[in-house]
Amino acid sequence: MTRILSKRRLSEEVYRVEVEAPLVARERRAGQFVIVQADDDFAERIPLTIADADPERGAITLVFQTVGASTHALAAKEVGDPITLLGPLGNPTHIERFGKAVCVGGGIGLAPLHPIVKALKEAGNEVVVIAGARTAELLIMQEELKSIADELIVATDDGSAGRKALVTEPLKEICASDRPPDIVVAIGPPIMMKFCAEATRPFGVKTLVSLNTIMIDGTGMCGGCRVSVGGETKFVCVDGPEFDGHLVDWDGMMSRLRSYRKQEEEAHHRCHLDLAAALASETSAAERLAKGAL
């Protein structure tokens, strides 16, 4: 068991927590993840990529979006509360001096992109970050990324921040420029990563993607995270989470991800109703106390 050291709400459904994990903070490498259980031993195990680490404080940073019951349960935790954590897991990102690296992050994917951007820059690469989201309110970790990257390009679907465009537009422009990237790393929703890979394919630019599939044990035993890459079956938890985006069977992976979509939507709706009821109860109690004070 470990405990939460700090908690911050980044947007309506995105949270950032620091967790006490000295061994993980010391051993983790860019691209690796942990398995988290918010409640007891019977709770769902969820994979979360490590967004940052502080070995001196013995802490790691996790950024997550409330989608189902388990992420809502984690969001309900407060500073000092215990959680169960296992890691670091997965293969770290291969870091070397490539030359010019373009890192593309969409929405919550900007969090796991952060340590990769940092590692690529420390290895001597020129790093361009393309940060995308549906709207400005959903952009996260902008200051952290801006402080590391040589260039930060922001694109939003509605144009509320940066340019009104999908992340694939500036990515194609860079690939077609006089100085195309030597490598592209894309992390975000599967559909975004799929089209980033398609954007770089005509230019022959190596494109790494970080997959976040259904995962239970994180050790390759359950088989829930299996995905087809280059016609071969791979397990994201032990063979990944990063793969060549040009070889991933995106349609097959996204079909598997939709298997529990109905249950996730029901849990998401139920959790929001419970949250609204809790907030209403707290407001009512505060009003009664205020009236009593008068």
Protein backbone atom coordinates (compact mmCIF):
# COMPACT_ATOMS: atom_id res chain seq x y z
CA MET A 1 0.00 0.00 0.00
CA THR A 2 1.07 3.57 -0.63
CA ARG A 3 -0.56 6.95 -0.09
CA ILE A 4 -1.51 10.06 -2.00
CA LEU A 5 0.77 13.04 -1.32
CA SER A 6 -1.05 15.71 -3.34
CA LYS A 7 -4.09 16.04 -5.57
CA ARG A 8 -5.15 18.64 -8.10
CA ARG A 9 -8.06 18.83 -10.50
CA LEU A 10 -6.83 19.92 -13.94
CA SER A 11 -10.22 20.01 -15.65
CA GLU A 12 -13.74 18.74 -15.07
CA GLU A 13 -12.73 15.10 -15.45
CA VAL A 14 -8.92 15.12 -15.30
CA TYR A 15 -6.93 14.81 -12.08
CA ARG A 16 -3.25 14.97 -11.19
CA VAL A 17 -2.02 13.12 -8.09
CA GLU A 18 1.38 12.64 -6.54
CA VAL A 19 1.82 9.22 -4.99
CA GLU A 20 4.40 8.02 -2.49
CA ALA A 21 6.47 5.40 -4.34
CA PRO A 22 10.21 5.76 -3.68
CA LEU A 23 11.32 2.56 -5.43
CA VAL A 24 9.21 3.28 -8.52
CA ALA A 25 10.43 6.89 -8.62
CA ARG A 26 14.03 5.69 -8.55
CA GLU A 27 13.74 2.88 -11.09
CA ARG A 28 11.17 4.14 -13.59
CA ARG A 29 12.10 5.19 -17.11
CA ALA A 30 10.24 7.29 -19.67
CA GLY A 31 7.31 5.40 -21.19
CA GLN A 32 6.71 2.98 -18.31
CA PHE A 33 3.48 2.64 -16.34
CA VAL A 34 2.04 1.39 -13.05
CA ILE A 35 -1.03 -0.65 -12.13
CA VAL A 36 -3.26 1.07 -9.56
CA GLN A 37 -6.09 -0.15 -7.36
CA ALA A 38 -8.08 2.59 -5.67
CA ASP A 39 -9.91 0.40 -3.15
CA ASP A 40 -9.70 -3.14 -1.79
CA ASP A 41 -8.26 -6.28 -3.38
CA PHE A 42 -11.42 -6.82 -5.41
CA ALA A 43 -11.30 -3.44 -7.14
CA GLU A 44 -10.45 -3.12 -10.82
CA ARG A 45 -6.75 -2.75 -11.63
CA ILE A 46 -6.07 0.15 -14.00
CA PRO A 47 -2.87 1.01 -15.90
CA LEU A 48 -1.62 4.59 -15.61
CA THR A 49 1.50 5.90 -17.30
CA ILE A 50 3.94 7.71 -15.04
CA ALA A 51 3.77 11.40 -15.98
CA ASP A 52 6.72 12.47 -13.81
CA ALA A 53 8.91 11.28 -10.96
CA ASP A 54 10.88 12.87 -8.12
CA PRO A 55 13.43 10.33 -6.79
CA GLU A 56 14.57 12.68 -4.02
CA ARG A 57 11.04 12.99 -2.61
CA GLY A 58 10.21 9.39 -3.46
CA ALA A 59 7.11 10.42 -5.42
CA ILE A 60 5.61 9.80 -8.85
CA THR A 61 2.96 11.82 -10.66
CA LEU A 62 -0.11 10.22 -12.24
CA VAL A 63 -2.59 12.04 -14.46
CA PHE A 64 -5.89 10.33 -15.25
CA GLN A 65 -9.36 10.96 -16.61
CA THR A 66 -12.52 9.77 -14.87
CA VAL A 67 -14.07 7.29 -17.31
CA GLY A 68 -15.41 4.35 -15.29
CA ALA A 69 -16.06 3.37 -11.70
CA SER A 70 -12.39 2.75 -10.84
CA THR A 71 -11.08 6.11 -12.05
CA HIS A 72 -13.97 7.84 -10.25
CA ALA A 73 -13.03 5.94 -7.07
CA LEU A 74 -9.44 7.12 -7.49
CA ALA A 75 -10.63 10.69 -8.03
CA ALA A 76 -12.58 10.49 -4.76
CA LYS A 77 -9.38 9.78 -2.82
CA GLU A 78 -7.86 12.61 -0.81
CA VAL A 79 -4.34 13.45 0.37
CA GLY A 80 -3.18 10.82 2.84
CA ASP A 81 -5.54 8.12 1.58
CA PRO A 82 -4.01 4.72 0.75
CA ILE A 83 -3.99 3.06 -2.68
CA THR A 84 -2.33 -0.07 -4.05
CA LEU A 85 0.34 0.41 -6.71
CA LEU A 86 2.53 -1.96 -8.75
CA GLY A 87 5.36 -1.01 -11.07
CA PRO A 88 7.23 0.19 -12.97
CA LEU A 89 5.89 -2.01 -15.77
CA GLY A 90 6.32 -2.19 -19.53
CA ASN A 91 9.34 -1.45 -21.69
CA PRO A 92 10.78 2.05 -21.45
CA THR A 93 10.95 4.28 -24.51
CA HIS A 94 14.08 3.76 -26.57
CA ILE A 95 15.94 7.05 -26.19
CA GLU A 96 18.90 8.08 -28.30
CA ARG A 97 20.10 11.10 -30.23
CA PHE A 98 17.87 10.80 -33.31
CA GLY A 99 18.22 14.40 -34.45
CA LYS A 100 14.79 15.98 -34.75
CA ALA A 101 11.92 14.44 -32.79
CA VAL A 102 8.27 15.43 -33.04
CA CYS A 103 6.12 14.42 -30.06
CA VAL A 104 2.35 14.53 -30.56
CA GLY A 105 -0.01 14.43 -27.58
CA GLY A 106 -3.79 14.45 -27.57
CA GLY A 107 -5.82 15.27 -24.48
CA ILE A 108 -4.83 13.09 -21.51
CA GLY A 109 -1.99 11.71 -23.68
CA LEU A 110 0.00 14.87 -22.99
CA ALA A 111 0.76 13.54 -19.49
CA PRO A 112 2.62 10.34 -20.49
CA LEU A 113 4.25 12.32 -23.31
CA HIS A 114 5.95 14.62 -20.80
CA PRO A 115 8.71 12.26 -19.55
CA ILE A 116 9.43 11.15 -23.13
CA VAL A 117 9.85 14.76 -24.28
CA LYS A 118 12.16 15.36 -21.33
CA ALA A 119 14.26 12.26 -22.04
CA LEU A 120 14.56 13.02 -25.76
CA LYS A 121 15.69 16.57 -25.02
CA GLU A 122 18.24 15.40 -22.45
CA ALA A 123 19.65 13.03 -25.10
CA GLY A 124 20.45 16.02 -27.31
CA ASN A 125 17.51 15.98 -29.71
CA GLU A 126 15.68 18.95 -31.17
CA VAL A 127 12.16 18.38 -29.86
CA VAL A 128 8.95 19.78 -31.30
CA VAL A 129 5.75 19.13 -29.35
CA ILE A 130 2.31 19.21 -30.94
CA ALA A 131 -0.34 19.47 -28.21
CA GLY A 132 -3.94 18.87 -29.16
CA ALA A 133 -7.34 18.81 -27.45
CA ARG A 134 -11.00 19.38 -28.24
CA THR A 135 -10.94 22.73 -26.45
CA ALA A 136 -8.56 24.96 -24.46
CA GLU A 137 -9.93 23.75 -21.11
CA LEU A 138 -8.73 20.21 -21.90
CA LEU A 139 -5.12 21.14 -22.59
CA ILE A 140 -2.86 19.97 -19.77
CA MET A 141 0.82 20.26 -18.80
CA GLN A 142 1.42 23.15 -21.19
CA GLU A 143 3.94 24.97 -19.01
CA GLU A 144 5.94 21.81 -18.34
CA LEU A 145 6.11 20.93 -22.03
CA LYS A 146 6.85 24.49 -23.12
CA SER A 147 9.80 24.68 -20.71
CA ILE A 148 11.41 21.60 -22.29
CA ALA A 149 10.56 21.63 -26.00
CA ASP A 150 12.29 23.71 -28.64
CA GLU A 151 8.86 24.46 -30.07
CA LEU A 152 5.32 23.92 -28.80
CA ILE A 153 2.51 23.88 -31.37
CA VAL A 154 -1.04 23.95 -29.97
CA ALA A 155 -4.07 22.79 -31.94
CA THR A 156 -7.67 22.63 -30.73
CA ASP A 157 -10.76 21.34 -32.49
CA ASP A 158 -12.70 24.54 -31.77
CA GLY A 159 -9.82 27.01 -32.13
CA SER A 160 -10.09 28.20 -28.51
CA ALA A 161 -6.30 27.81 -28.13
CA GLY A 162 -3.56 27.76 -30.73
CA ARG A 163 -4.68 26.99 -34.26
CA LYS A 164 -8.03 25.47 -35.17
CA ALA A 165 -6.90 22.12 -36.49
CA LEU A 166 -6.34 18.47 -35.76
CA VAL A 167 -2.83 17.52 -34.65
CA THR A 168 -2.29 15.71 -37.94
CA GLU A 169 -2.24 19.00 -39.86
CA PRO A 170 0.94 20.49 -38.33
CA LEU A 171 2.42 16.98 -38.25
CA LYS A 172 2.01 16.64 -42.04
CA GLU A 173 3.44 20.12 -42.54
CA ILE A 174 6.58 19.28 -40.58
CA CYS A 175 7.00 15.97 -42.41
CA ALA A 176 6.74 17.78 -45.75
CA SER A 177 9.16 20.55 -44.74
CA ASP A 178 12.84 20.92 -45.62
CA ARG A 179 13.68 19.48 -42.19
CA PRO A 180 11.38 16.52 -41.58
CA PRO A 181 11.52 14.67 -38.26
CA ASP A 182 13.79 11.69 -37.72
CA ILE A 183 11.24 10.17 -35.36
CA VAL A 184 7.65 10.83 -34.26
CA VAL A 185 6.11 9.79 -30.94
CA ALA A 186 2.33 9.97 -30.65
CA ILE A 187 0.24 9.39 -27.52
CA GLY A 188 -3.48 9.99 -27.18
CA PRO A 189 -6.82 8.49 -28.20
CA PRO A 190 -6.43 5.46 -30.50
CA ILE A 191 -8.10 7.23 -33.42
CA MET A 192 -5.64 10.13 -33.08
CA MET A 193 -2.63 7.81 -32.98
CA LYS A 194 -3.94 5.88 -35.99
CA PHE A 195 -4.18 9.01 -38.12
CA CYS A 196 -0.81 10.30 -36.90
CA ALA A 197 0.69 7.05 -38.17
CA GLU A 198 -1.14 7.46 -41.47
CA ALA A 199 0.11 11.06 -41.71
CA THR A 200 3.76 9.99 -41.40
CA ARG A 201 3.52 6.81 -43.49
CA PRO A 202 3.94 8.48 -46.94
CA PHE A 203 7.10 10.20 -45.68
CA GLY A 204 8.63 7.04 -44.23
CA VAL A 205 9.09 8.64 -40.79
CA LYS A 206 9.40 6.12 -37.95
CA THR A 207 6.38 6.59 -35.68
CA LEU A 208 6.08 5.20 -32.16
CA VAL A 209 2.70 5.00 -30.44
CA SER A 210 1.90 4.14 -26.81
CA LEU A 211 -1.11 1.83 -26.53
CA ASN A 212 -3.48 1.80 -23.58
CA THR A 213 -5.57 -1.32 -24.03
CA ILE A 214 -7.75 -3.31 -21.64
CA MET A 215 -5.36 -4.56 -18.95
CA ILE A 216 -5.80 -6.55 -15.76
CA ASP A 217 -2.62 -8.01 -14.28
CA GLY A 218 0.08 -6.12 -16.18
CA THR A 219 2.30 -9.20 -16.45
CA GLY A 220 1.09 -10.79 -19.70
CA MET A 221 -0.87 -13.61 -18.01
CA CYS A 222 -4.48 -12.49 -18.61
CA GLY A 223 -4.19 -11.75 -22.32
CA GLY A 224 -6.65 -8.88 -22.11
CA CYS A 225 -4.19 -6.41 -23.63
CA ARG A 226 -3.37 -8.44 -26.72
CA VAL A 227 -3.04 -6.56 -29.98
CA SER A 228 -1.91 -7.45 -33.49
CA VAL A 229 1.28 -5.72 -34.60
CA GLY A 230 2.72 -6.59 -37.98
CA GLY A 231 0.50 -9.67 -38.11
CA GLU A 232 1.85 -10.99 -34.81
CA THR A 233 0.03 -11.11 -31.47
CA LYS A 234 1.65 -8.88 -28.88
CA PHE A 235 0.78 -8.10 -25.26
CA VAL A 236 0.85 -4.40 -24.50
CA CYS A 237 1.83 -4.84 -20.84
CA VAL A 238 5.02 -6.83 -21.51
CA ASP A 239 5.83 -6.27 -25.20
CA GLY A 240 4.88 -2.58 -25.12
CA PRO A 241 3.34 -0.22 -24.38
CA GLU A 242 5.11 1.33 -27.39
CA PHE A 243 4.94 -0.10 -30.89
CA ASP A 244 5.56 0.91 -34.48
CA GLY A 245 2.39 2.82 -35.37
CA HIS A 246 2.62 1.73 -39.00
CA LEU A 247 2.27 -1.93 -37.99
CA VAL A 248 -0.56 -1.76 -35.42
CA ASP A 249 -3.93 -3.28 -36.36
CA TRP A 250 -5.84 -0.20 -35.26
CA ASP A 251 -9.31 -1.39 -36.24
CA GLY A 252 -8.89 -4.64 -34.33
CA MET A 253 -7.58 -2.86 -31.25
CA MET A 254 -10.37 -0.27 -31.23
CA SER A 255 -12.97 -3.00 -31.67
CA ARG A 256 -11.68 -4.71 -28.51
CA LEU A 257 -11.68 -1.41 -26.64
CA ARG A 258 -15.38 -1.00 -27.43
CA SER A 259 -16.22 -4.33 -25.77
CA TYR A 260 -17.08 -2.70 -22.44
CA ARG A 261 -18.15 0.71 -23.71
CA LYS A 262 -21.75 0.27 -22.48
CA GLN A 263 -20.63 -0.70 -18.97
CA GLU A 264 -18.18 2.22 -18.87
CA GLU A 265 -20.84 4.71 -19.91
CA GLU A 266 -23.27 3.38 -17.30
CA ALA A 267 -20.60 3.54 -14.59
CA HIS A 268 -19.60 7.04 -15.68
CA HIS A 269 -23.22 8.24 -15.51
CA ARG A 270 -23.83 6.57 -12.15
CA CYS A 271 -20.64 8.00 -10.63
CA HIS A 272 -21.57 11.50 -11.79
CA LEU A 273 -25.00 11.14 -10.18
CA ASP A 274 -23.36 10.01 -6.92
CA LEU A 275 -20.92 12.94 -7.10
CA ALA A 276 -23.75 15.42 -7.70
CA ALA A 277 -25.68 13.98 -4.75
CA ALA A 278 -22.62 14.22 -2.50
CA LEU A 279 -22.00 17.84 -3.52
CA ALA A 280 -25.67 18.69 -2.91
CA SER A 281 -25.49 17.08 0.52
CA GLU A 282 -22.34 19.04 1.40
CA THR A 283 -23.94 22.29 0.21
CA SER A 284 -27.08 21.61 2.24
CA ALA A 285 -25.02 20.87 5.36
CA ALA A 286 -22.99 24.06 4.88
CA GLU A 287 -26.19 26.11 4.50
CA ARG A 288 -27.61 24.62 7.71
CA LEU A 289 -24.41 25.46 9.57
CA ALA A 290 -24.48 29.01 8.20
CA LYS A 291 -28.10 29.49 9.31
CA GLY A 292 -27.24 28.09 12.72
CA ALA A 293 -24.42 30.58 13.09
CA LEU A 294 -26.86 33.38 12.44
